[in-house]
Amino acid sequence: MKKLTFYCGIAVLLAVTTVFMCVPQAQADGGGAPSAWAAEGVERAKALGFVPLHLQSDYTKAATRAEFCALAVTIYEDLLNESILERKYFSDTDDVNVQKMGGLGVVSGVGDDEFLPDGTITREQAAAILTRLMRELGVPLSDNPPAFSDNDDISQWARAAVGQVQAAGIMGGTGNNMFSPNANYTVEQSIITLKKVYDLAFVRIWRETDMLNEYAERVIELVNIERAKEGLGPLVTYDLLHAAAILRATECEVRFSHTRPDYRPWYTVFSELGISNRGRGENLGMGYMTPESAVIGWMNSPEHRPNIMNPKVSRTGVGVHEGVDGKLYWAQLFID
C-alpha cells in the first residue's frame, strides 16, 4: 500500500512536523507569509503535500468553511490512500471538497440546504469538524469536558467537541485560559491543527499493531503497580505523549540514544508534537521481548528507576517499535 511504502524505513515524517499545543490568536486581515510561530510547520506541511496551492498564501487571514474542507480532504485521502466517494450536495456550492466532507458527515449545512462555503470558520466550528474527522479516520477522541475560563461562551452543540480536541492536544486556547469559540480560525491555524490530526491518526493507523499497543498498555500498568508500592499515584496516558513515545522508539532503531538521529536532544520531540510541558524524563530499552522484562530492566537501573518513581510526573506515553531485525525498541516518556 502507498503509505507503507512511503513511510518505509525510519525517516518518519512525524519527526519533521512542528505543531503547537496552544495556537495563538492571529489577526484575520490577511498577510502573505505565515506568522513566526507557524512558519516551520507550514513549510513542512507544504513540502509534504498537505497544503493545496490556493492556500499557499495569506496564511493569517480567516479561513473559509470551504478552505477548511479542502485541507481536511487532503489529510483524509492521504492517510487512508483512497478517494472519498461519498457526496452531499448543497444548493450554494459545487465545491467537491465540501461535497466529500458532507458525504462523510464531517460537515453539515447552515440550513435551507446551504453550506455557506465562503463564510469564515469559527474556532468552535473547527473543533466540531476536527472531532468528526478523527471519528471518520477511525481514531475517535475521548470525551472530556472543556476547561477554559470562557466555557459559558461555547455553544452547547460544540462544547463536547471543544473538550475532546483540548484533551487530545489538537487545539488549545488563545491565551489567558480562553478558547474564544466565536473567533475566526486562520489558514495557518487550520494547517497546523489538521497536521496534528494527521500525526495522531498516522500513529494509530500505520505505526501500531494490536500486539505492540497491548505491550505499551501493559508497561503503563506495570509501572503503576511499582509506583503504588511506593505510595505514588498512577500515571495517566496522554495520546500526544503516546505518539511522541512511538516516534522515539522508532528513532531508536537508527540511533539508540537520548540524542535523536539528527543529533538533537530527545526532549525536542515535545515541541514537534505540541506538548507544552517541559520534559521530565525518558526511558529507553532495546531487546526486551516482553513488557515485564522492560519494566524489570528499568526498575533495576539507577538511571531509569527515578523517572518511574518521580512524584512530580502524572502523565506518560509508551511506544514500542519492532525493528527490521526483529528487535523491540521501547520508549516511555514522562511529564507533569
Protein backbone atom coordinates (compact mmCIF):
# COMPACT_ATOMS: atom_id res chain seq x y z
CA MET A 1 0.00 0.00 0.00
CA LYS A 2 1.11 3.56 -0.62
CA LYS A 3 1.56 4.55 3.00
CA LEU A 4 3.55 1.53 4.00
CA THR A 5 5.88 2.22 1.08
CA PHE A 6 6.08 5.95 1.67
CA TYR A 7 6.94 5.51 5.33
CA CYS A 8 9.30 2.60 4.95
CA GLY A 9 12.49 2.79 6.95
CA ILE A 10 13.00 5.20 9.79
CA ALA A 11 12.60 8.57 8.12
CA VAL A 12 9.35 9.07 9.99
CA LEU A 13 7.50 12.16 8.86
CA LEU A 14 6.34 12.82 12.35
CA ALA A 15 9.92 13.75 13.12
CA VAL A 16 9.80 16.73 10.83
CA THR A 17 6.50 18.17 11.92
CA THR A 18 6.23 21.22 14.13
CA VAL A 19 2.86 21.71 15.83
CA PHE A 20 1.77 23.72 18.80
CA MET A 21 -0.44 22.91 21.78
CA CYS A 22 -1.70 26.46 22.13
CA VAL A 23 -2.34 28.12 18.78
CA PRO A 24 -2.06 31.87 19.15
CA GLN A 25 -4.91 34.11 18.11
CA ALA A 26 -3.94 35.71 14.81
CA GLN A 27 -5.30 38.74 13.07
CA ALA A 28 -7.70 37.90 10.28
CA ASP A 29 -6.76 40.73 7.92
CA GLY A 30 -4.54 38.76 5.56
CA GLY A 31 -0.78 38.57 5.07
CA GLY A 32 1.43 36.80 2.56
CA ALA A 33 3.76 34.86 4.86
CA PRO A 34 2.88 32.66 7.83
CA SER A 35 3.41 34.00 11.34
CA ALA A 36 6.74 33.25 13.02
CA TRP A 37 5.21 30.60 15.31
CA ALA A 38 3.69 28.74 12.33
CA ALA A 39 6.34 29.23 9.64
CA GLU A 40 8.27 25.99 10.08
CA GLY A 41 5.19 23.83 10.43
CA VAL A 42 3.51 25.39 7.41
CA GLU A 43 6.59 24.97 5.23
CA ARG A 44 6.93 21.34 6.19
CA ALA A 45 3.24 20.71 5.59
CA LYS A 46 3.67 22.26 2.13
CA ALA A 47 6.70 20.10 1.43
CA LEU A 48 4.70 17.00 2.34
CA GLY A 49 1.88 17.98 0.01
CA PHE A 50 -0.73 18.77 2.64
CA VAL A 51 -1.45 22.36 1.60
CA PRO A 52 -3.37 22.96 -1.66
CA LEU A 53 -1.83 25.58 -3.93
CA HIS A 54 -4.66 28.05 -3.42
CA LEU A 55 -3.92 28.09 0.32
CA GLN A 56 -0.19 28.75 0.00
CA SER A 57 -0.53 32.48 0.66
CA ASP A 58 -2.38 34.83 3.01
CA TYR A 59 -1.81 32.43 5.89
CA THR A 60 -3.01 34.82 8.60
CA LYS A 61 -6.36 35.54 7.01
CA ALA A 62 -9.52 33.91 8.33
CA ALA A 63 -10.09 30.51 6.72
CA THR A 64 -13.36 29.90 4.95
CA ARG A 65 -15.52 26.87 5.51
CA ALA A 66 -14.65 25.58 2.03
CA GLU A 67 -10.91 26.07 2.60
CA PHE A 68 -11.05 24.08 5.82
CA CYS A 69 -12.77 21.29 3.90
CA ALA A 70 -10.00 21.32 1.28
CA LEU A 71 -7.36 20.76 3.95
CA ALA A 72 -9.42 18.06 5.66
CA VAL A 73 -9.96 16.15 2.42
CA THR A 74 -6.22 16.20 1.65
CA ILE A 75 -5.39 14.80 5.09
CA TYR A 76 -8.10 12.12 4.95
CA GLU A 77 -7.31 10.86 1.45
CA ASP A 78 -3.56 10.87 2.05
CA LEU A 79 -3.83 8.96 5.31
CA LEU A 80 -6.18 6.26 4.02
CA ASN A 81 -4.77 6.20 0.49
CA GLU A 82 -8.23 6.35 -1.01
CA SER A 83 -10.52 8.90 -2.59
CA ILE A 84 -13.72 9.87 -0.84
CA LEU A 85 -16.60 8.62 -2.96
CA GLU A 86 -19.47 9.85 -0.84
CA ARG A 87 -21.08 13.18 -1.74
CA LYS A 88 -23.54 15.54 -0.11
CA TYR A 89 -24.77 18.32 -2.36
CA PHE A 90 -25.59 21.85 -1.28
CA SER A 91 -27.53 24.44 -3.20
CA ASP A 92 -24.93 27.22 -2.87
CA THR A 93 -21.70 25.42 -3.87
CA ASP A 94 -20.34 22.81 -6.24
CA ASP A 95 -17.01 22.59 -4.39
CA VAL A 96 -16.04 18.92 -4.48
CA ASN A 97 -14.17 19.11 -1.17
CA VAL A 98 -17.28 20.40 0.57
CA GLN A 99 -19.30 17.63 -1.06
CA LYS A 100 -16.82 15.00 0.10
CA MET A 101 -16.71 16.18 3.71
CA GLY A 102 -20.50 16.45 3.67
CA GLY A 103 -20.74 12.93 2.30
CA LEU A 104 -18.70 11.60 5.19
CA GLY A 105 -20.81 13.52 7.70
CA VAL A 106 -17.82 15.59 8.80
CA VAL A 107 -19.54 18.87 7.87
CA SER A 108 -23.17 19.90 7.59
CA GLY A 109 -25.01 22.87 6.19
CA VAL A 110 -26.31 26.04 7.76
CA GLY A 111 -29.94 25.38 6.87
CA ASP A 112 -32.12 25.53 3.74
CA ASP A 113 -29.73 23.10 2.01
CA GLU A 114 -26.96 25.73 2.04
CA PHE A 115 -23.36 25.39 3.19
CA LEU A 116 -22.10 28.98 3.11
CA PRO A 117 -18.72 27.98 1.60
CA ASP A 118 -17.21 31.47 1.68
CA GLY A 119 -18.22 32.13 5.27
CA THR A 120 -15.36 32.21 7.75
CA ILE A 121 -14.97 29.27 10.09
CA THR A 122 -15.00 29.87 13.84
CA ARG A 123 -12.88 28.10 16.41
CA GLU A 124 -15.80 26.11 17.82
CA GLN A 125 -16.87 25.08 14.31
CA ALA A 126 -13.32 23.91 13.63
CA ALA A 127 -13.33 21.89 16.85
CA ALA A 128 -16.55 20.12 15.87
CA ILE A 129 -15.25 19.30 12.39
CA LEU A 130 -11.96 18.01 13.76
CA THR A 131 -13.68 15.58 16.15
CA ARG A 132 -15.86 14.22 13.34
CA LEU A 133 -12.83 13.90 11.08
CA MET A 134 -10.97 11.89 13.72
CA ARG A 135 -14.03 9.66 14.07
CA GLU A 136 -14.11 9.01 10.31
CA LEU A 137 -10.40 8.22 10.36
CA GLY A 138 -11.14 5.51 12.90
CA VAL A 139 -9.50 7.36 15.77
CA PRO A 140 -12.38 8.73 17.88
CA LEU A 141 -11.41 11.18 20.58
CA SER A 142 -12.15 10.53 24.25
CA ASP A 143 -14.85 12.52 25.98
CA ASN A 144 -13.55 15.24 28.25
CA PRO A 145 -15.20 18.45 29.40
CA PRO A 146 -13.52 21.68 28.24
CA ALA A 147 -11.51 23.55 30.85
CA PHE A 148 -11.48 27.16 29.70
CA SER A 149 -12.45 30.27 31.59
CA ASP A 150 -14.92 31.15 28.82
CA ASN A 151 -16.66 27.76 28.73
CA ASP A 152 -20.02 29.50 29.02
CA ASP A 153 -19.39 31.23 25.69
CA ILE A 154 -19.01 27.92 23.87
CA SER A 155 -22.22 26.86 22.10
CA GLN A 156 -23.86 23.84 23.66
CA TRP A 157 -23.57 21.85 20.41
CA ALA A 158 -19.79 22.44 20.33
CA ARG A 159 -18.91 22.05 23.99
CA ALA A 160 -18.17 18.32 23.90
CA ALA A 161 -16.03 18.71 20.78
CA VAL A 162 -14.01 21.55 22.32
CA GLY A 163 -13.28 19.37 25.34
CA GLN A 164 -12.23 16.48 23.11
CA VAL A 165 -9.77 18.45 20.99
CA GLN A 166 -8.38 20.15 24.08
CA ALA A 167 -7.76 16.83 25.85
CA ALA A 168 -6.19 15.31 22.73
CA GLY A 169 -3.88 18.31 22.32
CA ILE A 170 -5.26 19.13 18.87
CA MET A 171 -6.48 22.61 19.81
CA GLY A 172 -5.50 24.77 22.74
CA GLY A 173 -6.55 28.20 23.90
CA THR A 174 -5.89 31.71 22.69
CA GLY A 175 -4.20 32.91 25.88
CA ASN A 176 -5.29 33.61 29.44
CA ASN A 177 -7.09 30.25 29.52
CA MET A 178 -9.57 31.47 26.89
CA PHE A 179 -10.85 29.40 23.99
CA SER A 180 -12.56 32.28 22.13
CA PRO A 181 -15.12 30.00 20.47
CA ASN A 182 -16.54 32.60 18.08
CA ALA A 183 -13.21 33.99 16.89
CA ASN A 184 -12.19 33.29 13.32
CA TYR A 185 -9.83 30.40 12.66
CA THR A 186 -7.00 31.35 10.34
CA VAL A 187 -5.49 29.45 7.43
CA GLU A 188 -2.22 28.83 9.29
CA GLN A 189 -4.04 27.64 12.40
CA SER A 190 -6.08 25.29 10.21
CA ILE A 191 -2.94 23.87 8.59
CA ILE A 192 -1.19 23.32 11.91
CA THR A 193 -4.11 21.64 13.68
CA LEU A 194 -5.03 19.44 10.71
CA LYS A 195 -1.39 18.35 10.53
CA LYS A 196 -1.71 17.41 14.19
CA VAL A 197 -4.77 15.33 13.30
CA TYR A 198 -2.59 13.65 10.71
CA ASP A 199 0.14 12.91 13.27
CA LEU A 200 -2.25 11.33 15.75
CA ALA A 201 -4.11 9.29 13.15
CA PHE A 202 -0.88 8.19 11.47
CA VAL A 203 0.37 6.73 14.73
CA ARG A 204 -2.82 4.74 15.19
CA ILE A 205 -3.29 3.64 11.58
CA TRP A 206 0.22 2.88 10.38
CA ARG A 207 2.56 2.54 13.35
CA GLU A 208 0.65 0.49 15.86
CA THR A 209 -0.11 -3.19 15.72
CA ASP A 210 -2.51 -4.69 18.21
CA MET A 211 0.30 -6.58 19.91
CA LEU A 212 2.61 -3.58 20.27
CA ASN A 213 -0.25 -1.41 21.50
CA GLU A 214 -1.09 -4.02 24.11
CA TYR A 215 2.56 -4.11 25.12
CA ALA A 216 2.53 -0.34 25.63
CA GLU A 217 -0.60 -0.50 27.76
CA ARG A 218 0.89 -3.32 29.82
CA VAL A 219 4.04 -1.26 30.50
CA ILE A 220 1.92 1.52 31.98
CA GLU A 221 0.01 -0.99 34.08
CA LEU A 222 3.25 -2.48 35.44
CA VAL A 223 4.80 0.92 36.08
CA ASN A 224 1.75 1.98 38.06
CA ILE A 225 2.00 -1.19 40.14
CA GLU A 226 5.57 -0.26 41.02
CA ARG A 227 4.56 3.32 41.85
CA ALA A 228 1.75 2.09 44.09
CA LYS A 229 4.27 0.09 46.12
CA GLU A 230 5.93 3.40 47.00
CA GLY A 231 2.66 5.19 47.72
CA LEU A 232 2.73 7.18 44.47
CA GLY A 233 -0.29 7.92 42.33
CA PRO A 234 -0.83 6.25 38.95
CA LEU A 235 0.37 7.77 35.71
CA VAL A 236 -2.31 8.71 33.19
CA THR A 237 -1.95 8.00 29.47
CA TYR A 238 -1.82 11.09 27.23
CA ASP A 239 -2.42 10.50 23.50
CA LEU A 240 0.08 13.04 22.19
CA LEU A 241 2.72 11.75 24.59
CA HIS A 242 1.95 8.26 23.34
CA ALA A 243 2.57 9.48 19.77
CA ALA A 244 5.84 11.08 20.86
CA ALA A 245 6.95 7.85 22.54
CA ILE A 246 6.22 5.80 19.41
CA LEU A 247 8.30 8.27 17.43
CA ARG A 248 11.18 8.00 19.89
CA ALA A 249 11.01 4.19 19.92
CA THR A 250 11.11 4.21 16.11
CA GLU A 251 14.07 6.59 16.08
CA CYS A 252 15.96 4.28 18.41
CA GLU A 253 16.33 1.73 15.62
CA VAL A 254 18.52 4.30 13.86
CA ARG A 255 20.24 5.72 16.94
CA PHE A 256 19.72 4.07 20.31
CA SER A 257 20.41 7.13 22.42
CA HIS A 258 18.76 10.01 24.23
CA THR A 259 20.16 12.03 21.34
CA ARG A 260 17.93 11.79 18.29
CA PRO A 261 19.12 10.62 14.85
CA ASP A 262 19.60 14.26 13.76
CA TYR A 263 21.64 14.89 16.96
CA ARG A 264 19.01 16.99 18.73
CA PRO A 265 18.15 16.25 22.39
CA TRP A 266 15.38 13.72 22.99
CA TYR A 267 13.01 16.30 24.52
CA THR A 268 12.71 18.23 21.24
CA VAL A 269 10.03 15.71 20.34
CA PHE A 270 7.71 17.59 22.69
CA SER A 271 7.73 20.84 20.74
CA GLU A 272 7.29 18.95 17.48
CA LEU A 273 4.07 17.36 18.67
CA GLY A 274 2.80 20.41 20.52
CA ILE A 275 3.33 19.09 24.04
CA SER A 276 3.76 22.20 26.15
CA ASN A 277 5.05 20.63 29.37
CA ARG A 278 8.78 20.50 29.88
CA GLY A 279 10.24 17.03 29.61
CA ARG A 280 10.65 15.25 32.91
CA GLY A 281 12.20 12.05 31.68
CA GLU A 282 12.69 9.42 29.04
CA ASN A 283 13.31 5.69 29.49
CA LEU A 284 14.59 3.68 26.54
CA GLY A 285 15.02 -0.05 26.12
CA MET A 286 16.27 -2.36 23.37
CA GLY A 287 15.91 -6.10 23.00
CA TYR A 288 13.36 -6.70 25.75
CA MET A 289 10.78 -9.08 24.34
CA THR A 290 8.02 -8.53 26.90
CA PRO A 291 6.64 -5.57 28.87
CA GLU A 292 7.57 -7.36 32.08
CA SER A 293 11.23 -7.64 31.12
CA ALA A 294 11.33 -4.00 30.00
CA VAL A 295 9.93 -2.71 33.29
CA ILE A 296 12.15 -5.01 35.35
CA GLY A 297 15.16 -3.71 33.44
CA TRP A 298 14.17 -0.11 34.09
CA MET A 299 13.43 -0.74 37.77
CA ASN A 300 16.87 -2.30 38.20
CA SER A 301 18.58 0.65 36.53
CA PRO A 302 19.76 3.58 38.67
CA GLU A 303 19.23 5.89 35.68
CA HIS A 304 15.73 4.73 34.73
CA ARG A 305 14.09 3.94 38.06
CA PRO A 306 13.99 7.60 39.22
CA ASN A 307 11.86 8.53 36.20
CA ILE A 308 9.29 5.88 37.09
CA MET A 309 9.29 6.90 40.74
CA ASN A 310 9.30 10.65 40.20
CA PRO A 311 6.45 12.04 42.34
CA LYS A 312 6.25 15.15 40.13
CA VAL A 313 5.13 13.32 36.98
CA SER A 314 1.50 12.49 36.34
CA ARG A 315 1.24 11.63 32.63
CA THR A 316 3.03 9.15 30.44
CA GLY A 317 3.20 7.68 26.98
CA VAL A 318 4.79 4.43 25.85
CA GLY A 319 5.96 3.43 22.39
CA VAL A 320 7.10 0.02 21.21
CA HIS A 321 8.66 -0.39 17.76
CA GLU A 322 9.69 -3.60 16.02
CA GLY A 323 12.86 -3.14 14.02
CA VAL A 324 13.71 -4.85 10.74
CA ASP A 325 15.95 -7.18 12.73
CA GLY A 326 13.03 -8.30 14.88
CA LYS A 327 14.27 -6.46 17.97
CA LEU A 328 11.79 -4.46 20.00
CA TYR A 329 12.64 -0.86 20.87
CA TRP A 330 10.90 0.68 23.88
CA ALA A 331 10.38 4.28 24.93
CA GLN A 332 8.49 5.73 27.89
CA LEU A 333 8.10 9.49 28.30
CA PHE A 334 7.05 11.31 31.46
CA ILE A 335 5.64 14.81 32.04
CA ASP A 336 3.98 16.54 34.94
